[in-house]
Amino acid sequence: MDAVASMVADRPVVIFSRTTCCMSHTIKTLISGFGANPTVYELDEIANGQQVERALQQMGCNPSVPAVFIGQQLVGGANQVMSLQLRNQLVPLLKRAGAIWI
């Protein structure tokens, strides 16, 4: 979990993803569509990807990707992010984290 904490530190939006995951692609597209520039870690492309994936699962991410952190706080996966969007709470959360300004 320390690895995850250091990866999300000082970044407004972090998405843990896999290059082959369609839901990860959808969430990256949604967040980028608001003008945010998320830091994306593709777990199947980084050296410690399996370790990070296990840590995300221990944090409650099931499935482990996509895992979205906004303002260094775990928001959750695709279902949680889409729920925030449907309740019009995603944009204000991105603004508070400093990921978008308008």
PDB file of N, CA and C in Angstrom:
ATOM      1  N   MET A   1       0.818  -1.199   0.000  1.00  0.00           N
ATOM      2  CA  MET A   1       0.000   0.000   0.000  1.00  0.00           C
ATOM      3  C   MET A   1       0.857   1.257   0.000  1.00  0.00           C
ATOM      4  N   ASP A   2       2.079   1.149   0.521  1.00  0.00           N
ATOM      5  CA  ASP A   2       2.988   2.293   0.473  1.00  0.00           C
ATOM      6  C   ASP A   2       3.321   2.659  -0.967  1.00  0.00           C
ATOM      7  N   ALA A   3       3.437   1.639  -1.825  1.00  0.00           N
ATOM      8  CA  ALA A   3       3.728   1.896  -3.234  1.00  0.00           C
ATOM      9  C   ALA A   3       2.604   2.710  -3.858  1.00  0.00           C
ATOM     10  N   VAL A   4       1.373   2.346  -3.565  1.00  0.00           N
ATOM     11  CA  VAL A   4       0.224   3.077  -4.106  1.00  0.00           C
ATOM     12  C   VAL A   4       0.212   4.501  -3.566  1.00  0.00           C
ATOM     13  N   ALA A   5       0.450   4.655  -2.264  1.00  0.00           N
ATOM     14  CA  ALA A   5       0.442   5.992  -1.653  1.00  0.00           C
ATOM     15  C   ALA A   5       1.469   6.903  -2.302  1.00  0.00           C
ATOM     16  N   SER A   6       2.658   6.385  -2.579  1.00  0.00           N
ATOM     17  CA  SER A   6       3.685   7.223  -3.198  1.00  0.00           C
ATOM     18  C   SER A   6       3.335   7.542  -4.657  1.00  0.00           C
ATOM     19  N   MET A   7       2.618   6.648  -5.317  1.00  0.00           N
ATOM     20  CA  MET A   7       2.246   6.875  -6.713  1.00  0.00           C
ATOM     21  C   MET A   7       1.149   7.928  -6.860  1.00  0.00           C
ATOM     22  N   VAL A   8       0.302   8.087  -5.850  1.00  0.00           N
ATOM     23  CA  VAL A   8      -0.788   9.064  -5.936  1.00  0.00           C
ATOM     24  C   VAL A   8      -0.451  10.383  -5.252  1.00  0.00           C
ATOM     25  N   ALA A   9       0.653  10.429  -4.519  1.00  0.00           N
ATOM     26  CA  ALA A   9       1.017  11.647  -3.790  1.00  0.00           C
ATOM     27  C   ALA A   9       1.212  12.813  -4.745  1.00  0.00           C
ATOM     28  N   ASP A  10       0.682  13.964  -4.359  1.00  0.00           N
ATOM     29  CA  ASP A  10       0.869  15.217  -5.093  1.00  0.00           C
ATOM     30  C   ASP A  10       0.336  15.194  -6.526  1.00  0.00           C
ATOM     31  N   ARG A  11      -0.606  14.321  -6.806  1.00  0.00           N
ATOM     32  CA  ARG A  11      -1.222  14.280  -8.134  1.00  0.00           C
ATOM     33  C   ARG A  11      -2.740  14.410  -7.951  1.00  0.00           C
ATOM     34  N   PRO A  12      -3.362  15.316  -8.695  1.00  0.00           N
ATOM     35  CA  PRO A  12      -4.804  15.515  -8.498  1.00  0.00           C
ATOM     36  C   PRO A  12      -5.657  14.318  -8.903  1.00  0.00           C
ATOM     37  N   VAL A  13      -5.289  13.633 -10.003  1.00  0.00           N
ATOM     38  CA  VAL A  13      -6.064  12.478 -10.457  1.00  0.00           C
ATOM     39  C   VAL A  13      -5.093  11.385 -10.898  1.00  0.00           C
ATOM     40  N   VAL A  14      -5.289  10.192 -10.341  1.00  0.00           N
ATOM     41  CA  VAL A  14      -4.484   9.034 -10.729  1.00  0.00           C
ATOM     42  C   VAL A  14      -5.435   7.898 -11.076  1.00  0.00           C
ATOM     43  N   ILE A  15      -5.163   7.255 -12.198  1.00  0.00           N
ATOM     44  CA  ILE A  15      -5.956   6.108 -12.620  1.00  0.00           C
ATOM     45  C   ILE A  15      -5.023   4.915 -12.795  1.00  0.00           C
ATOM     46  N   PHE A  16      -5.326   3.843 -12.088  1.00  0.00           N
ATOM     47  CA  PHE A  16      -4.620   2.585 -12.288  1.00  0.00           C
ATOM     48  C   PHE A  16      -5.443   1.781 -13.276  1.00  0.00           C
ATOM     49  N   SER A  17      -4.780   1.300 -14.320  1.00  0.00           N
ATOM     50  CA  SER A  17      -5.478   0.745 -15.465  1.00  0.00           C
ATOM     51  C   SER A  17      -4.727  -0.469 -15.999  1.00  0.00           C
ATOM     52  N   ARG A  18      -5.319  -1.104 -16.976  1.00  0.00           N
ATOM     53  CA  ARG A  18      -4.659  -2.122 -17.802  1.00  0.00           C
ATOM     54  C   ARG A  18      -4.932  -1.725 -19.248  1.00  0.00           C
ATOM     55  N   THR A  19      -3.961  -1.935 -20.101  1.00  0.00           N
ATOM     56  CA  THR A  19      -4.116  -1.518 -21.501  1.00  0.00           C
ATOM     57  C   THR A  19      -5.249  -2.259 -22.201  1.00  0.00           C
ATOM     58  N   THR A  20      -5.616  -3.433 -21.710  1.00  0.00           N
ATOM     59  CA  THR A  20      -6.646  -4.242 -22.357  1.00  0.00           C
ATOM     60  C   THR A  20      -8.030  -4.106 -21.723  1.00  0.00           C
ATOM     61  N   CYS A  21      -8.162  -3.224 -20.740  1.00  0.00           N
ATOM     62  CA  CYS A  21      -9.427  -3.100 -20.007  1.00  0.00           C
ATOM     63  C   CYS A  21     -10.293  -2.003 -20.626  1.00  0.00           C
ATOM     64  N   CYS A  22     -11.451  -2.389 -21.157  1.00  0.00           N
ATOM     65  CA  CYS A  22     -12.329  -1.416 -21.805  1.00  0.00           C
ATOM     66  C   CYS A  22     -12.926  -0.429 -20.795  1.00  0.00           C
ATOM     67  N   MET A  23     -13.191  -0.872 -19.579  1.00  0.00           N
ATOM     68  CA  MET A  23     -13.742   0.041 -18.569  1.00  0.00           C
ATOM     69  C   MET A  23     -12.701   1.071 -18.147  1.00  0.00           C
ATOM     70  N   SER A  24     -11.439   0.653 -18.091  1.00  0.00           N
ATOM     71  CA  SER A  24     -10.372   1.607 -17.790  1.00  0.00           C
ATOM     72  C   SER A  24     -10.317   2.675 -18.871  1.00  0.00           C
ATOM     73  N   HIS A  25     -10.414   2.267 -20.128  1.00  0.00           N
ATOM     74  CA  HIS A  25     -10.404   3.211 -21.245  1.00  0.00           C
ATOM     75  C   HIS A  25     -11.578   4.186 -21.120  1.00  0.00           C
ATOM     76  N   THR A  26     -12.741   3.679 -20.773  1.00  0.00           N
ATOM     77  CA  THR A  26     -13.933   4.513 -20.639  1.00  0.00           C
ATOM     78  C   THR A  26     -13.748   5.559 -19.549  1.00  0.00           C
ATOM     79  N   ILE A  27     -13.212   5.157 -18.419  1.00  0.00           N
ATOM     80  CA  ILE A  27     -13.025   6.092 -17.301  1.00  0.00           C
ATOM     81  C   ILE A  27     -11.950   7.123 -17.643  1.00  0.00           C
ATOM     82  N   LYS A  28     -10.875   6.705 -18.288  1.00  0.00           N
ATOM     83  CA  LYS A  28      -9.838   7.656 -18.702  1.00  0.00           C
ATOM     84  C   LYS A  28     -10.433   8.677 -19.675  1.00  0.00           C
ATOM     85  N   THR A  29     -11.256   8.226 -20.612  1.00  0.00           N
ATOM     86  CA  THR A  29     -11.884   9.114 -21.584  1.00  0.00           C
ATOM     87  C   THR A  29     -12.837  10.090 -20.901  1.00  0.00           C
ATOM     88  N   LEU A  30     -13.624   9.602 -19.957  1.00  0.00           N
ATOM     89  CA  LEU A  30     -14.572  10.449 -19.233  1.00  0.00           C
ATOM     90  C   LEU A  30     -13.844  11.561 -18.491  1.00  0.00           C
ATOM     91  N   ILE A  31     -12.853  11.206 -17.712  1.00  0.00           N
ATOM     92  CA  ILE A  31     -12.147  12.195 -16.897  1.00  0.00           C
ATOM     93  C   ILE A  31     -11.363  13.157 -17.777  1.00  0.00           C
ATOM     94  N   SER A  32     -10.724  12.662 -18.803  1.00  0.00           N
ATOM     95  CA  SER A  32      -9.986  13.535 -19.720  1.00  0.00           C
ATOM     96  C   SER A  32     -10.931  14.468 -20.465  1.00  0.00           C
ATOM     97  N   GLY A  33     -12.161  14.018 -20.714  1.00  0.00           N
ATOM     98  CA  GLY A  33     -13.144  14.829 -21.413  1.00  0.00           C
ATOM     99  C   GLY A  33     -13.517  16.102 -20.673  1.00  0.00           C
ATOM    100  N   PHE A  34     -13.284  16.134 -19.372  1.00  0.00           N
ATOM    101  CA  PHE A  34     -13.553  17.344 -18.585  1.00  0.00           C
ATOM    102  C   PHE A  34     -12.364  18.291 -18.594  1.00  0.00           C
ATOM    103  N   GLY A  35     -11.280  17.887 -19.238  1.00  0.00           N
ATOM    104  CA  GLY A  35     -10.090  18.730 -19.296  1.00  0.00           C
ATOM    105  C   GLY A  35      -9.021  18.343 -18.290  1.00  0.00           C
ATOM    106  N   ALA A  36      -9.271  17.303 -17.519  1.00  0.00           N
ATOM    107  CA  ALA A  36      -8.271  16.841 -16.558  1.00  0.00           C
ATOM    108  C   ALA A  36      -7.182  16.065 -17.295  1.00  0.00           C
ATOM    109  N   ASN A  37      -6.011  16.066 -16.727  1.00  0.00           N
ATOM    110  CA  ASN A  37      -4.886  15.327 -17.292  1.00  0.00           C
ATOM    111  C   ASN A  37      -4.441  14.301 -16.246  1.00  0.00           C
ATOM    112  N   PRO A  38      -5.151  13.177 -16.164  1.00  0.00           N
ATOM    113  CA  PRO A  38      -4.842  12.216 -15.111  1.00  0.00           C
ATOM    114  C   PRO A  38      -3.486  11.539 -15.316  1.00  0.00           C
ATOM    115  N   THR A  39      -2.846  11.212 -14.208  1.00  0.00           N
ATOM    116  CA  THR A  39      -1.673  10.348 -14.258  1.00  0.00           C
ATOM    117  C   THR A  39      -2.205   8.929 -14.376  1.00  0.00           C
ATOM    118  N   VAL A  40      -1.770   8.215 -15.402  1.00  0.00           N
ATOM    119  CA  VAL A  40      -2.274   6.863 -15.651  1.00  0.00           C
ATOM    120  C   VAL A  40      -1.133   5.868 -15.503  1.00  0.00           C
ATOM    121  N   TYR A  41      -1.360   4.863 -14.677  1.00  0.00           N
ATOM    122  CA  TYR A  41      -0.415   3.763 -14.531  1.00  0.00           C
ATOM    123  C   TYR A  41      -1.042   2.519 -15.144  1.00  0.00           C
ATOM    124  N   GLU A  42      -0.436   2.026 -16.204  1.00  0.00           N
ATOM    125  CA  GLU A  42      -0.902   0.798 -16.841  1.00  0.00           C
ATOM    126  C   GLU A  42      -0.202  -0.369 -16.135  1.00  0.00           C
ATOM    127  N   LEU A  43      -0.945  -1.101 -15.325  1.00  0.00           N
ATOM    128  CA  LEU A  43      -0.354  -2.123 -14.476  1.00  0.00           C
ATOM    129  C   LEU A  43       0.283  -3.261 -15.261  1.00  0.00           C
ATOM    130  N   ASP A  44      -0.142  -3.463 -16.502  1.00  0.00           N
ATOM    131  CA  ASP A  44       0.468  -4.513 -17.309  1.00  0.00           C
ATOM    132  C   ASP A  44       1.717  -4.024 -18.034  1.00  0.00           C
ATOM    133  N   GLU A  45       2.104  -2.767 -17.789  1.00  0.00           N
ATOM    134  CA  GLU A  45       3.295  -2.220 -18.439  1.00  0.00           C
ATOM    135  C   GLU A  45       4.365  -1.750 -17.462  1.00  0.00           C
ATOM    136  N   ILE A  46       4.059  -1.719 -16.164  1.00  0.00           N
ATOM    137  CA  ILE A  46       5.064  -1.264 -15.199  1.00  0.00           C
ATOM    138  C   ILE A  46       5.644  -2.457 -14.459  1.00  0.00           C
ATOM    139  N   ALA A  47       6.880  -2.304 -14.011  1.00  0.00           N
ATOM    140  CA  ALA A  47       7.625  -3.418 -13.416  1.00  0.00           C
ATOM    141  C   ALA A  47       6.950  -3.986 -12.170  1.00  0.00           C
ATOM    142  N   ASN A  48       6.421  -3.136 -11.314  1.00  0.00           N
ATOM    143  CA  ASN A  48       5.803  -3.606 -10.071  1.00  0.00           C
ATOM    144  C   ASN A  48       4.281  -3.681 -10.176  1.00  0.00           C
ATOM    145  N   GLY A  49       3.765  -3.884 -11.385  1.00  0.00           N
ATOM    146  CA  GLY A  49       2.321  -3.887 -11.622  1.00  0.00           C
ATOM    147  C   GLY A  49       1.552  -4.897 -10.794  1.00  0.00           C
ATOM    148  N   GLN A  50       2.083  -6.107 -10.654  1.00  0.00           N
ATOM    149  CA  GLN A  50       1.372  -7.126  -9.862  1.00  0.00           C
ATOM    150  C   GLN A  50       1.325  -6.747  -8.392  1.00  0.00           C
ATOM    151  N   GLN A  51       2.410  -6.182  -7.882  1.00  0.00           N
ATOM    152  CA  GLN A  51       2.451  -5.736  -6.486  1.00  0.00           C
ATOM    153  C   GLN A  51       1.429  -4.623  -6.259  1.00  0.00           C
ATOM    154  N   VAL A  52       1.371  -3.684  -7.176  1.00  0.00           N
ATOM    155  CA  VAL A  52       0.419  -2.576  -7.070  1.00  0.00           C
ATOM    156  C   VAL A  52      -1.005  -3.110  -7.155  1.00  0.00           C
ATOM    157  N   GLU A  53      -1.249  -4.052  -8.037  1.00  0.00           N
ATOM    158  CA  GLU A  53      -2.585  -4.629  -8.184  1.00  0.00           C
ATOM    159  C   GLU A  53      -3.032  -5.320  -6.892  1.00  0.00           C
ATOM    160  N   ARG A  54      -2.129  -6.052  -6.264  1.00  0.00           N
ATOM    161  CA  ARG A  54      -2.465  -6.696  -4.976  1.00  0.00           C
ATOM    162  C   ARG A  54      -2.782  -5.654  -3.914  1.00  0.00           C
ATOM    163  N   ALA A  55      -2.014  -4.583  -3.879  1.00  0.00           N
ATOM    164  CA  ALA A  55      -2.258  -3.516  -2.907  1.00  0.00           C
ATOM    165  C   ALA A  55      -3.623  -2.870  -3.143  1.00  0.00           C
ATOM    166  N   LEU A  56      -3.983  -2.648  -4.400  1.00  0.00           N
ATOM    167  CA  LEU A  56      -5.298  -2.075  -4.714  1.00  0.00           C
ATOM    168  C   LEU A  56      -6.410  -3.004  -4.260  1.00  0.00           C
ATOM    169  N   GLN A  57      -6.236  -4.295  -4.447  1.00  0.00           N
ATOM    170  CA  GLN A  57      -7.239  -5.261  -4.001  1.00  0.00           C
ATOM    171  C   GLN A  57      -7.368  -5.238  -2.485  1.00  0.00           C
ATOM    172  N   GLN A  58      -6.255  -5.096  -1.780  1.00  0.00           N
ATOM    173  CA  GLN A  58      -6.298  -5.015  -0.317  1.00  0.00           C
ATOM    174  C   GLN A  58      -6.999  -3.748   0.144  1.00  0.00           C
ATOM    175  N   MET A  59      -6.963  -2.718  -0.688  1.00  0.00           N
ATOM    176  CA  MET A  59      -7.638  -1.460  -0.361  1.00  0.00           C
ATOM    177  C   MET A  59      -9.133  -1.527  -0.669  1.00  0.00           C
ATOM    178  N   GLY A  60      -9.574  -2.625  -1.266  1.00  0.00           N
ATOM    179  CA  GLY A  60     -10.996  -2.795  -1.547  1.00  0.00           C
ATOM    180  C   GLY A  60     -11.387  -2.668  -2.999  1.00  0.00           C
ATOM    181  N   CYS A  61     -10.438  -2.516  -3.891  1.00  0.00           N
ATOM    182  CA  CYS A  61     -10.744  -2.425  -5.325  1.00  0.00           C
ATOM    183  C   CYS A  61     -10.944  -3.822  -5.878  1.00  0.00           C
ATOM    184  N   ASN A  62     -12.164  -4.130  -6.236  1.00  0.00           N
ATOM    185  CA  ASN A  62     -12.464  -5.438  -6.809  1.00  0.00           C
ATOM    186  C   ASN A  62     -13.534  -5.235  -7.875  1.00  0.00           C
ATOM    187  N   PRO A  63     -13.203  -5.288  -9.140  1.00  0.00           N
ATOM    188  CA  PRO A  63     -11.914  -5.634  -9.721  1.00  0.00           C
ATOM    189  C   PRO A  63     -10.884  -4.543  -9.444  1.00  0.00           C
ATOM    190  N   SER A  64      -9.626  -4.895  -9.634  1.00  0.00           N
ATOM    191  CA  SER A  64      -8.545  -3.982  -9.265  1.00  0.00           C
ATOM    192  C   SER A  64      -8.403  -2.798 -10.211  1.00  0.00           C
ATOM    193  N   VAL A  65      -8.864  -2.920 -11.440  1.00  0.00           N
ATOM    194  CA  VAL A  65      -8.806  -1.795 -12.385  1.00  0.00           C
ATOM    195  C   VAL A  65     -10.159  -1.607 -13.055  1.00  0.00           C
ATOM    196  N   PRO A  66     -10.530  -0.392 -13.387  1.00  0.00           N
ATOM    197  CA  PRO A  66      -9.790   0.813 -13.064  1.00  0.00           C
ATOM    198  C   PRO A  66      -9.927   1.169 -11.588  1.00  0.00           C
ATOM    199  N   ALA A  67      -8.890   1.749 -11.046  1.00  0.00           N
ATOM    200  CA  ALA A  67      -8.918   2.284  -9.687  1.00  0.00           C
ATOM    201  C   ALA A  67      -8.590   3.762  -9.800  1.00  0.00           C
ATOM    202  N   VAL A  68      -9.489   4.596  -9.304  1.00  0.00           N
ATOM    203  CA  VAL A  68      -9.369   6.041  -9.498  1.00  0.00           C
ATOM    204  C   VAL A  68      -9.162   6.727  -8.150  1.00  0.00           C
ATOM    205  N   PHE A  69      -8.128   7.547  -8.117  1.00  0.00           N
ATOM    206  CA  PHE A  69      -7.847   8.390  -6.953  1.00  0.00           C
ATOM    207  C   PHE A  69      -8.009   9.831  -7.391  1.00  0.00           C
ATOM    208  N   ILE A  70      -8.794  10.591  -6.636  1.00  0.00           N
ATOM    209  CA  ILE A  70      -8.962  12.022  -6.900  1.00  0.00           C
ATOM    210  C   ILE A  70      -8.610  12.752  -5.618  1.00  0.00           C
ATOM    211  N   GLY A  71      -7.672  13.670  -5.709  1.00  0.00           N
ATOM    212  CA  GLY A  71      -7.211  14.373  -4.518  1.00  0.00           C
ATOM    213  C   GLY A  71      -6.583  13.427  -3.510  1.00  0.00           C
ATOM    214  N   GLN A  72      -5.855  12.451  -3.972  1.00  0.00           N
ATOM    215  CA  GLN A  72      -5.157  11.437  -3.182  1.00  0.00           C
ATOM    216  C   GLN A  72      -6.102  10.501  -2.406  1.00  0.00           C
ATOM    217  N   GLN A  73      -7.388  10.572  -2.679  1.00  0.00           N
ATOM    218  CA  GLN A  73      -8.371   9.711  -2.023  1.00  0.00           C
ATOM    219  C   GLN A  73      -8.901   8.693  -3.023  1.00  0.00           C
ATOM    220  N   LEU A  74      -9.022   7.458  -2.569  1.00  0.00           N
ATOM    221  CA  LEU A  74      -9.580   6.416  -3.426  1.00  0.00           C
ATOM    222  C   LEU A  74     -11.063   6.679  -3.645  1.00  0.00           C
ATOM    223  N   VAL A  75     -11.438   6.895  -4.895  1.00  0.00           N
ATOM    224  CA  VAL A  75     -12.845   7.063  -5.261  1.00  0.00           C
ATOM    225  C   VAL A  75     -13.453   5.691  -5.507  1.00  0.00           C
ATOM    226  N   GLY A  76     -12.696   4.816  -6.155  1.00  0.00           N
ATOM    227  CA  GLY A  76     -13.167   3.470  -6.446  1.00  0.00           C
ATOM    228  C   GLY A  76     -12.956   3.125  -7.912  1.00  0.00           C
ATOM    229  N   GLY A  77     -13.790   2.247  -8.390  1.00  0.00           N
ATOM    230  CA  GLY A  77     -13.684   1.769  -9.756  1.00  0.00           C
ATOM    231  C   GLY A  77     -14.675   2.450 -10.678  1.00  0.00           C
ATOM    232  N   ALA A  78     -14.941   1.786 -11.781  1.00  0.00           N
ATOM    233  CA  ALA A  78     -15.811   2.354 -12.807  1.00  0.00           C
ATOM    234  C   ALA A  78     -17.214   2.642 -12.276  1.00  0.00           C
ATOM    235  N   ASN A  79     -17.776   1.732 -11.503  1.00  0.00           N
ATOM    236  CA  ASN A  79     -19.136   1.943 -10.986  1.00  0.00           C
ATOM    237  C   ASN A  79     -19.224   3.189 -10.113  1.00  0.00           C
ATOM    238  N   GLN A  80     -18.244   3.368  -9.242  1.00  0.00           N
ATOM    239  CA  GLN A  80     -18.264   4.520  -8.341  1.00  0.00           C
ATOM    240  C   GLN A  80     -18.077   5.823  -9.120  1.00  0.00           C
ATOM    241  N   VAL A  81     -17.171   5.829 -10.093  1.00  0.00           N
ATOM    242  CA  VAL A  81     -16.940   7.044 -10.885  1.00  0.00           C
ATOM    243  C   VAL A  81     -18.182   7.384 -11.708  1.00  0.00           C
ATOM    244  N   MET A  82     -18.795   6.380 -12.320  1.00  0.00           N
ATOM    245  CA  MET A  82     -20.006   6.638 -13.107  1.00  0.00           C
ATOM    246  C   MET A  82     -21.151   7.113 -12.215  1.00  0.00           C
ATOM    247  N   SER A  83     -21.250   6.565 -11.011  1.00  0.00           N
ATOM    248  CA  SER A  83     -22.279   7.025 -10.065  1.00  0.00           C
ATOM    249  C   SER A  83     -22.072   8.488  -9.705  1.00  0.00           C
ATOM    250  N   LEU A  84     -20.809   8.871  -9.471  1.00  0.00           N
ATOM    251  CA  LEU A  84     -20.521  10.284  -9.192  1.00  0.00           C
ATOM    252  C   LEU A  84     -20.936  11.159 -10.371  1.00  0.00           C
ATOM    253  N   GLN A  85     -20.658  10.703 -11.565  1.00  0.00           N
ATOM    254  CA  GLN A  85     -21.016  11.467 -12.763  1.00  0.00           C
ATOM    255  C   GLN A  85     -22.531  11.622 -12.883  1.00  0.00           C
ATOM    256  N   LEU A  86     -23.250  10.543 -12.662  1.00  0.00           N
ATOM    257  CA  LEU A  86     -24.712  10.592 -12.776  1.00  0.00           C
ATOM    258  C   LEU A  86     -25.346  11.496 -11.718  1.00  0.00           C
ATOM    259  N   ARG A  87     -24.691  11.618 -10.569  1.00  0.00           N
ATOM    260  CA  ARG A  87     -25.190  12.481  -9.492  1.00  0.00           C
ATOM    261  C   ARG A  87     -24.606  13.892  -9.578  1.00  0.00           C
ATOM    262  N   ASN A  88     -23.921  14.198 -10.695  1.00  0.00           N
ATOM    263  CA  ASN A  88     -23.292  15.507 -10.906  1.00  0.00           C
ATOM    264  C   ASN A  88     -22.300  15.866  -9.803  1.00  0.00           C
ATOM    265  N   GLN A  89     -21.592  14.873  -9.290  1.00  0.00           N
ATOM    266  CA  GLN A  89     -20.617  15.107  -8.230  1.00  0.00           C
ATOM    267  C   GLN A  89     -19.174  14.936  -8.701  1.00  0.00           C
ATOM    268  N   LEU A  90     -18.976  14.431  -9.917  1.00  0.00           N
ATOM    269  CA  LEU A  90     -17.620  14.187 -10.394  1.00  0.00           C
ATOM    270  C   LEU A  90     -16.880  15.488 -10.695  1.00  0.00           C
ATOM    271  N   VAL A  91     -17.502  16.400 -11.415  1.00  0.00           N
ATOM    272  CA  VAL A  91     -16.847  17.663 -11.770  1.00  0.00           C
ATOM    273  C   VAL A  91     -16.466  18.458 -10.519  1.00  0.00           C
ATOM    274  N   PRO A  92     -17.371  18.633  -9.544  1.00  0.00           N
ATOM    275  CA  PRO A  92     -16.959  19.355  -8.335  1.00  0.00           C
ATOM    276  C   PRO A  92     -15.781  18.678  -7.608  1.00  0.00           C
ATOM    277  N   LEU A  93     -15.747  17.362  -7.617  1.00  0.00           N
ATOM    278  CA  LEU A  93     -14.647  16.633  -6.986  1.00  0.00           C
ATOM    279  C   LEU A  93     -13.338  16.906  -7.725  1.00  0.00           C
ATOM    280  N   LEU A  94     -13.388  16.906  -9.055  1.00  0.00           N
ATOM    281  CA  LEU A  94     -12.201  17.208  -9.855  1.00  0.00           C
ATOM    282  C   LEU A  94     -11.734  18.648  -9.628  1.00  0.00           C
ATOM    283  N   LYS A  95     -12.688  19.571  -9.484  1.00  0.00           N
ATOM    284  CA  LYS A  95     -12.335  20.969  -9.220  1.00  0.00           C
ATOM    285  C   LYS A  95     -11.658  21.118  -7.869  1.00  0.00           C
ATOM    286  N   ARG A  96     -12.225  20.498  -6.827  1.00  0.00           N
ATOM    287  CA  ARG A  96     -11.639  20.588  -5.487  1.00  0.00           C
ATOM    288  C   ARG A  96     -10.223  20.016  -5.448  1.00  0.00           C
ATOM    289  N   ALA A  97      -9.967  19.001  -6.252  1.00  0.00           N
ATOM    290  CA  ALA A  97      -8.645  18.381  -6.281  1.00  0.00           C
ATOM    291  C   ALA A  97      -7.652  19.199  -7.104  1.00  0.00           C
ATOM    292  N   GLY A  98      -8.134  20.203  -7.823  1.00  0.00           N
ATOM    293  CA  GLY A  98      -7.267  21.021  -8.663  1.00  0.00           C
ATOM    294  C   GLY A  98      -6.967  20.393 -10.007  1.00  0.00           C
ATOM    295  N   ALA A  99      -7.787  19.427 -10.401  1.00  0.00           N
ATOM    296  CA  ALA A  99      -7.567  18.741 -11.677  1.00  0.00           C
ATOM    297  C   ALA A  99      -8.149  19.533 -12.853  1.00  0.00           C
ATOM    298  N   ILE A 100      -9.193  20.315 -12.584  1.00  0.00           N
ATOM    299  CA  ILE A 100      -9.781  21.192 -13.590  1.00  0.00           C
ATOM    300  C   ILE A 100     -10.090  22.524 -12.932  1.00  0.00           C
ATOM    301  N   TRP A 101     -10.234  23.548 -13.748  1.00  0.00           N
ATOM    302  CA  TRP A 101     -10.422  24.891 -13.191  1.00  0.00           C
ATOM    303  C   TRP A 101     -11.735  25.520 -13.573  1.00  0.00           C
ATOM    304  N   ILE A 102     -12.453  24.977 -14.547  1.00  0.00           N
ATOM    305  CA  ILE A 102     -13.691  25.639 -14.986  1.00  0.00           C
ATOM    306  C   ILE A 102     -14.908  24.860 -14.557  1.00  0.00           C
TER     307      ILE A 102
END
